[in-house]
Amino acid sequence: GRTYYADSVKGRFTISRDNAKNTMYLQMNSLE
């Protein structure tokens, strides 16, 4: 329900989780 990001990654990274799979993800785009 809530996500938080460091300013340096806002708009580029997305955190998510799948509780059914006991897994969390970090999608990282526009990497520098």
All heavy atoms as atom14 arrays in JSON, in Angstrom:
{
  "sequence": "GRTYYADSVKGRFTISRDNAKNTMYLQMNSLE",
  "atom14_mask": [
    [1, 1, 1, 1, 0, 0, 0, 0, 0, 0, 0, 0, 0, 0],
    [1, 1, 1, 1, 1, 1, 1, 1, 1, 1, 1, 0, 0, 0],
    [1, 1, 1, 1, 1, 1, 1, 0, 0, 0, 0, 0, 0, 0],
    [1, 1, 1, 1, 1, 1, 1, 1, 1, 1, 1, 1, 0, 0],
    [1, 1, 1, 1, 1, 1, 1, 1, 1, 1, 1, 1, 0, 0],
    [1, 1, 1, 1, 1, 0, 0, 0, 0, 0, 0, 0, 0, 0],
    [1, 1, 1, 1, 1, 1, 1, 1, 0, 0, 0, 0, 0, 0],
    [1, 1, 1, 1, 1, 1, 0, 0, 0, 0, 0, 0, 0, 0],
    [1, 1, 1, 1, 1, 1, 1, 0, 0, 0, 0, 0, 0, 0],
    [1, 1, 1, 1, 1, 1, 1, 1, 1, 0, 0, 0, 0, 0],
    [1, 1, 1, 1, 0, 0, 0, 0, 0, 0, 0, 0, 0, 0],
    [1, 1, 1, 1, 1, 1, 1, 1, 1, 1, 1, 0, 0, 0],
    [1, 1, 1, 1, 1, 1, 1, 1, 1, 1, 1, 0, 0, 0],
    [1, 1, 1, 1, 1, 1, 1, 0, 0, 0, 0, 0, 0, 0],
    [1, 1, 1, 1, 1, 1, 1, 1, 0, 0, 0, 0, 0, 0],
    [1, 1, 1, 1, 1, 1, 0, 0, 0, 0, 0, 0, 0, 0],
    [1, 1, 1, 1, 1, 1, 1, 1, 1, 1, 1, 0, 0, 0],
    [1, 1, 1, 1, 1, 1, 1, 1, 0, 0, 0, 0, 0, 0],
    [1, 1, 1, 1, 1, 1, 1, 1, 0, 0, 0, 0, 0, 0],
    [1, 1, 1, 1, 1, 0, 0, 0, 0, 0, 0, 0, 0, 0],
    [1, 1, 1, 1, 1, 1, 1, 1, 1, 0, 0, 0, 0, 0],
    [1, 1, 1, 1, 1, 1, 1, 1, 0, 0, 0, 0, 0, 0],
    [1, 1, 1, 1, 1, 1, 1, 0, 0, 0, 0, 0, 0, 0],
    [1, 1, 1, 1, 1, 1, 1, 1, 0, 0, 0, 0, 0, 0],
    [1, 1, 1, 1, 1, 1, 1, 1, 1, 1, 1, 1, 0, 0],
    [1, 1, 1, 1, 1, 1, 1, 1, 0, 0, 0, 0, 0, 0],
    [1, 1, 1, 1, 1, 1, 1, 1, 1, 0, 0, 0, 0, 0],
    [1, 1, 1, 1, 1, 1, 1, 1, 0, 0, 0, 0, 0, 0],
    [1, 1, 1, 1, 1, 1, 1, 1, 0, 0, 0, 0, 0, 0],
    [1, 1, 1, 1, 1, 1, 0, 0, 0, 0, 0, 0, 0, 0],
    [1, 1, 1, 1, 1, 1, 1, 1, 0, 0, 0, 0, 0, 0],
    [1, 1, 1, 1, 1, 1, 1, 1, 1, 0, 0, 0, 0, 0]
  ],
  "atom14_positions": [
    [[0.8, -1.21, 0.0], [0.0, 0.0, 0.0], [0.84, 1.27, 0.0], [0.36, 2.33, -0.39], [0.0, 0.0, 0.0], [0.0, 0.0, 0.0], [0.0, 0.0, 0.0], [0.0, 0.0, 0.0], [0.0, 0.0, 0.0], [0.0, 0.0, 0.0], [0.0, 0.0, 0.0], [0.0, 0.0, 0.0], [0.0, 0.0, 0.0], [0.0, 0.0, 0.0]],
    [[2.06, 1.18, 0.46], [2.94, 2.35, 0.51], [4.33, 1.97, 0.02], [4.85, 0.93, 0.38], [3.03, 2.91, 1.92], [1.77, 3.55, 2.43], [1.98, 4.23, 3.75], [0.77, 4.86, 4.26], [0.7, 5.58, 5.35], [1.79, 5.78, 6.08], [-0.43, 6.11, 5.74], [0.0, 0.0, 0.0], [0.0, 0.0, 0.0], [0.0, 0.0, 0.0]],
    [[4.88, 2.87, -0.75], [6.25, 2.71, -1.21], [6.99, 4.03, -1.0], [6.38, 5.11, -1.04], [6.33, 2.32, -2.69], [5.63, 3.31, -3.48], [5.69, 0.96, -2.94], [0.0, 0.0, 0.0], [0.0, 0.0, 0.0], [0.0, 0.0, 0.0], [0.0, 0.0, 0.0], [0.0, 0.0, 0.0], [0.0, 0.0, 0.0], [0.0, 0.0, 0.0]],
    [[8.29, 3.92, -0.78], [9.12, 5.1, -0.59], [10.4, 4.93, -1.41], [10.9, 3.81, -1.55], [9.46, 5.3, 0.88], [8.28, 5.62, 1.74], [7.62, 4.63, 2.46], [7.79, 6.92, 1.84], [6.52, 4.91, 3.24], [6.69, 7.22, 2.62], [6.06, 6.21, 3.32], [4.97, 6.5, 4.09], [0.0, 0.0, 0.0], [0.0, 0.0, 0.0]],
    [[10.9, 6.04, -1.91], [12.08, 6.01, -2.74], [13.06, 7.1, -2.33], [12.66, 8.19, -1.91], [11.72, 6.21, -4.21], [10.85, 5.13, -4.79], [9.46, 5.24, -4.77], [11.41, 3.99, -5.35], [8.66, 4.25, -5.29], [10.62, 2.99, -5.88], [9.24, 3.13, -5.84], [8.45, 2.14, -6.36], [0.0, 0.0, 0.0], [0.0, 0.0, 0.0]],
    [[14.32, 6.81, -2.5], [15.33, 7.86, -2.39], [15.14, 8.83, -3.55], [14.75, 8.42, -4.65], [16.72, 7.24, -2.43], [0.0, 0.0, 0.0], [0.0, 0.0, 0.0], [0.0, 0.0, 0.0], [0.0, 0.0, 0.0], [0.0, 0.0, 0.0], [0.0, 0.0, 0.0], [0.0, 0.0, 0.0], [0.0, 0.0, 0.0], [0.0, 0.0, 0.0]],
    [[15.44, 10.09, -3.32], [15.27, 11.08, -4.37], [16.08, 10.73, -5.61], [15.67, 11.01, -6.74], [15.68, 12.46, -3.86], [14.68, 13.04, -2.87], [13.54, 12.54, -2.82], [15.06, 13.98, -2.15], [0.0, 0.0, 0.0], [0.0, 0.0, 0.0], [0.0, 0.0, 0.0], [0.0, 0.0, 0.0], [0.0, 0.0, 0.0], [0.0, 0.0, 0.0]],
    [[17.22, 10.1, -5.4], [18.13, 9.81, -6.51], [17.58, 8.76, -7.48], [18.07, 8.66, -8.61], [19.48, 9.35, -5.98], [19.33, 8.19, -5.17], [0.0, 0.0, 0.0], [0.0, 0.0, 0.0], [0.0, 0.0, 0.0], [0.0, 0.0, 0.0], [0.0, 0.0, 0.0], [0.0, 0.0, 0.0], [0.0, 0.0, 0.0], [0.0, 0.0, 0.0]],
    [[16.57, 8.0, -7.05], [16.04, 6.94, -7.92], [14.58, 7.15, -8.28], [14.03, 6.37, -9.07], [16.23, 5.54, -7.27], [17.68, 5.32, -6.88], [15.3, 5.33, -6.1], [0.0, 0.0, 0.0], [0.0, 0.0, 0.0], [0.0, 0.0, 0.0], [0.0, 0.0, 0.0], [0.0, 0.0, 0.0], [0.0, 0.0, 0.0], [0.0, 0.0, 0.0]],
    [[13.94, 8.16, -7.72], [12.53, 8.41, -8.02], [12.31, 8.59, -9.51], [13.06, 9.3, -10.18], [12.05, 9.66, -7.29], [11.56, 9.41, -5.89], [11.08, 10.71, -5.26], [10.77, 10.51, -3.8], [10.42, 11.77, -3.12], [0.0, 0.0, 0.0], [0.0, 0.0, 0.0], [0.0, 0.0, 0.0], [0.0, 0.0, 0.0], [0.0, 0.0, 0.0]],
    [[11.28, 7.94, -10.0], [10.97, 8.03, -11.42], [11.74, 7.06, -12.29], [11.42, 6.89, -13.46], [0.0, 0.0, 0.0], [0.0, 0.0, 0.0], [0.0, 0.0, 0.0], [0.0, 0.0, 0.0], [0.0, 0.0, 0.0], [0.0, 0.0, 0.0], [0.0, 0.0, 0.0], [0.0, 0.0, 0.0], [0.0, 0.0, 0.0], [0.0, 0.0, 0.0]],
    [[12.77, 6.43, -11.72], [13.56, 5.45, -12.49], [13.42, 4.04, -11.94], [13.44, 3.08, -12.71], [15.04, 5.85, -12.47], [15.32, 7.22, -13.06], [16.83, 7.47, -13.2], [17.51, 7.45, -11.9], [18.51, 6.61, -11.6], [18.94, 5.75, -12.49], [19.09, 6.67, -10.4], [0.0, 0.0, 0.0], [0.0, 0.0, 0.0], [0.0, 0.0, 0.0]],
    [[13.29, 3.9, -10.64], [13.21, 2.6, -10.0], [11.79, 2.37, -9.5], [11.11, 3.31, -9.07], [14.16, 2.51, -8.81], [15.63, 2.48, -9.15], [16.1, 2.75, -10.43], [16.55, 2.18, -8.17], [17.45, 2.73, -10.74], [17.91, 2.15, -8.44], [18.35, 2.43, -9.73], [0.0, 0.0, 0.0], [0.0, 0.0, 0.0], [0.0, 0.0, 0.0]],
    [[11.36, 1.11, -9.5], [10.06, 0.73, -8.96], [10.22, -0.49, -8.07], [10.74, -1.52, -8.52], [9.07, 0.43, -10.08], [8.94, 1.56, -10.94], [7.7, 0.08, -9.5], [0.0, 0.0, 0.0], [0.0, 0.0, 0.0], [0.0, 0.0, 0.0], [0.0, 0.0, 0.0], [0.0, 0.0, 0.0], [0.0, 0.0, 0.0], [0.0, 0.0, 0.0]],
    [[9.76, -0.36, -6.84], [9.78, -1.48, -5.91], [8.41, -2.15, -5.91], [7.38, -1.48, -6.02], [10.17, -1.02, -4.49], [10.42, -2.22, -3.58], [9.13, -0.08, -3.9], [11.02, -1.83, -2.2], [0.0, 0.0, 0.0], [0.0, 0.0, 0.0], [0.0, 0.0, 0.0], [0.0, 0.0, 0.0], [0.0, 0.0, 0.0], [0.0, 0.0, 0.0]],
    [[8.41, -3.46, -5.82], [7.16, -4.2, -5.76], [7.39, -5.5, -5.02], [8.53, -5.88, -4.73], [6.62, -4.47, -7.17], [7.53, -5.28, -7.91], [0.0, 0.0, 0.0], [0.0, 0.0, 0.0], [0.0, 0.0, 0.0], [0.0, 0.0, 0.0], [0.0, 0.0, 0.0], [0.0, 0.0, 0.0], [0.0, 0.0, 0.0], [0.0, 0.0, 0.0]],
    [[6.29, -6.17, -4.69], [6.4, -7.45, -4.02], [5.26, -8.35, -4.43], [4.18, -7.88, -4.79], [6.41, -7.27, -2.5], [5.14, -6.69, -1.93], [5.32, -6.32, -0.45], [5.61, -7.48, 0.38], [6.09, -7.4, 1.62], [6.36, -6.21, 2.15], [6.3, -8.49, 2.32], [0.0, 0.0, 0.0], [0.0, 0.0, 0.0], [0.0, 0.0, 0.0]],
    [[5.52, -9.64, -4.4], [4.51, -10.64, -4.66], [4.48, -11.55, -3.44], [5.32, -12.44, -3.29], [4.87, -11.44, -5.93], [3.8, -12.42, -6.32], [2.98, -12.82, -5.47], [3.77, -12.81, -7.49], [0.0, 0.0, 0.0], [0.0, 0.0, 0.0], [0.0, 0.0, 0.0], [0.0, 0.0, 0.0], [0.0, 0.0, 0.0], [0.0, 0.0, 0.0]],
    [[3.52, -11.3, -2.57], [3.49, -12.05, -1.32], [3.2, -13.54, -1.53], [3.61, -14.38, -0.73], [2.48, -11.44, -0.36], [2.98, -10.13, 0.24], [4.16, -9.84, 0.22], [2.06, -9.35, 0.78], [0.0, 0.0, 0.0], [0.0, 0.0, 0.0], [0.0, 0.0, 0.0], [0.0, 0.0, 0.0], [0.0, 0.0, 0.0], [0.0, 0.0, 0.0]],
    [[2.51, -13.85, -2.6], [2.24, -15.27, -2.89], [3.52, -16.02, -3.24], [3.61, -17.23, -3.03], [1.23, -15.39, -4.02], [0.0, 0.0, 0.0], [0.0, 0.0, 0.0], [0.0, 0.0, 0.0], [0.0, 0.0, 0.0], [0.0, 0.0, 0.0], [0.0, 0.0, 0.0], [0.0, 0.0, 0.0], [0.0, 0.0, 0.0], [0.0, 0.0, 0.0]],
    [[4.51, -15.29, -3.74], [5.77, -15.91, -4.13], [6.9, -15.61, -3.15], [8.05, -15.97, -3.38], [6.19, -15.42, -5.53], [5.25, -15.84, -6.64], [5.76, -15.37, -8.0], [4.85, -15.84, -9.11], [5.33, -15.39, -10.44], [0.0, 0.0, 0.0], [0.0, 0.0, 0.0], [0.0, 0.0, 0.0], [0.0, 0.0, 0.0], [0.0, 0.0, 0.0]],
    [[6.57, -14.91, -2.06], [7.58, -14.53, -1.06], [8.77, -13.83, -1.71], [9.93, -14.08, -1.37], [8.1, -15.77, -0.31], [7.07, -16.3, 0.68], [6.03, -15.69, 0.9], [7.35, -17.44, 1.25], [0.0, 0.0, 0.0], [0.0, 0.0, 0.0], [0.0, 0.0, 0.0], [0.0, 0.0, 0.0], [0.0, 0.0, 0.0], [0.0, 0.0, 0.0]],
    [[8.47, -12.94, -2.62], [9.54, -12.29, -3.4], [9.27, -10.8, -3.53], [8.13, -10.38, -3.73], [9.66, -12.93, -4.79], [9.91, -14.33, -4.65], [10.81, -12.3, -5.57], [0.0, 0.0, 0.0], [0.0, 0.0, 0.0], [0.0, 0.0, 0.0], [0.0, 0.0, 0.0], [0.0, 0.0, 0.0], [0.0, 0.0, 0.0], [0.0, 0.0, 0.0]],
    [[10.34, -10.03, -3.43], [10.29, -8.59, -3.65], [11.15, -8.28, -4.88], [12.11, -9.01, -5.17], [10.84, -7.85, -2.43], [10.91, -6.35, -2.59], [11.53, -5.51, -1.11], [13.2, -6.1, -1.01], [0.0, 0.0, 0.0], [0.0, 0.0, 0.0], [0.0, 0.0, 0.0], [0.0, 0.0, 0.0], [0.0, 0.0, 0.0], [0.0, 0.0, 0.0]],
    [[10.8, -7.21, -5.56], [11.51, -6.85, -6.79], [11.94, -5.39, -6.76], [11.37, -4.57, -6.05], [10.61, -7.07, -8.0], [10.05, -8.46, -8.11], [8.76, -8.74, -7.64], [10.79, -9.5, -8.65], [8.24, -10.02, -7.73], [10.27, -10.78, -8.74], [9.0, -11.03, -8.27], [8.48, -12.3, -8.35], [0.0, 0.0, 0.0], [0.0, 0.0, 0.0]],
    [[12.95, -5.09, -7.56], [13.34, -3.72, -7.81], [13.6, -3.59, -9.3], [14.6, -4.11, -9.81], [14.59, -3.33, -7.02], [14.98, -1.85, -7.14], [13.94, -0.96, -6.45], [16.37, -1.59, -6.54], [0.0, 0.0, 0.0], [0.0, 0.0, 0.0], [0.0, 0.0, 0.0], [0.0, 0.0, 0.0], [0.0, 0.0, 0.0], [0.0, 0.0, 0.0]],
    [[12.68, -2.95, -9.99], [12.86, -2.68, -11.41], [13.63, -1.39, -11.55], [13.21, -0.34, -11.06], [11.5, -2.55, -12.1], [11.58, -2.22, -13.58], [12.22, -3.33, -14.4], [11.9, -4.49, -14.22], [13.12, -2.96, -15.3], [0.0, 0.0, 0.0], [0.0, 0.0, 0.0], [0.0, 0.0, 0.0], [0.0, 0.0, 0.0], [0.0, 0.0, 0.0]],
    [[14.76, -1.47, -12.21], [15.65, -0.31, -12.34], [15.77, 0.06, -13.81], [16.28, -0.73, -14.62], [17.03, -0.63, -11.76], [16.99, -1.12, -10.33], [18.62, -1.34, -9.58], [19.25, -2.65, -10.61], [0.0, 0.0, 0.0], [0.0, 0.0, 0.0], [0.0, 0.0, 0.0], [0.0, 0.0, 0.0], [0.0, 0.0, 0.0], [0.0, 0.0, 0.0]],
    [[15.28, 1.23, -14.17], [15.34, 1.73, -15.54], [16.24, 2.96, -15.6], [16.55, 3.57, -14.57], [13.94, 2.08, -16.03], [13.02, 0.87, -16.05], [13.46, -0.26, -16.25], [11.73, 1.12, -15.85], [0.0, 0.0, 0.0], [0.0, 0.0, 0.0], [0.0, 0.0, 0.0], [0.0, 0.0, 0.0], [0.0, 0.0, 0.0], [0.0, 0.0, 0.0]],
    [[16.62, 3.32, -16.82], [17.46, 4.51, -17.04], [18.65, 4.51, -16.08], [18.95, 5.52, -15.44], [16.63, 5.78, -16.84], [15.53, 5.8, -17.73], [0.0, 0.0, 0.0], [0.0, 0.0, 0.0], [0.0, 0.0, 0.0], [0.0, 0.0, 0.0], [0.0, 0.0, 0.0], [0.0, 0.0, 0.0], [0.0, 0.0, 0.0], [0.0, 0.0, 0.0]],
    [[19.33, 3.39, -16.02], [20.45, 3.27, -15.08], [21.59, 4.2, -15.44], [21.84, 4.47, -16.64], [20.93, 1.81, -15.05], [20.04, 0.88, -14.22], [20.29, -0.57, -14.58], [20.27, 1.11, -12.74], [0.0, 0.0, 0.0], [0.0, 0.0, 0.0], [0.0, 0.0, 0.0], [0.0, 0.0, 0.0], [0.0, 0.0, 0.0], [0.0, 0.0, 0.0]],
    [[22.24, 4.68, -14.4], [23.35, 5.62, -14.54], [24.59, 5.02, -13.89], [24.47, 4.18, -12.98], [22.99, 6.94, -13.85], [21.71, 7.57, -14.36], [21.23, 8.7, -13.46], [21.8, 8.89, -12.36], [20.26, 9.39, -13.86], [0.0, 0.0, 0.0], [0.0, 0.0, 0.0], [0.0, 0.0, 0.0], [0.0, 0.0, 0.0], [0.0, 0.0, 0.0]]
  ]
}
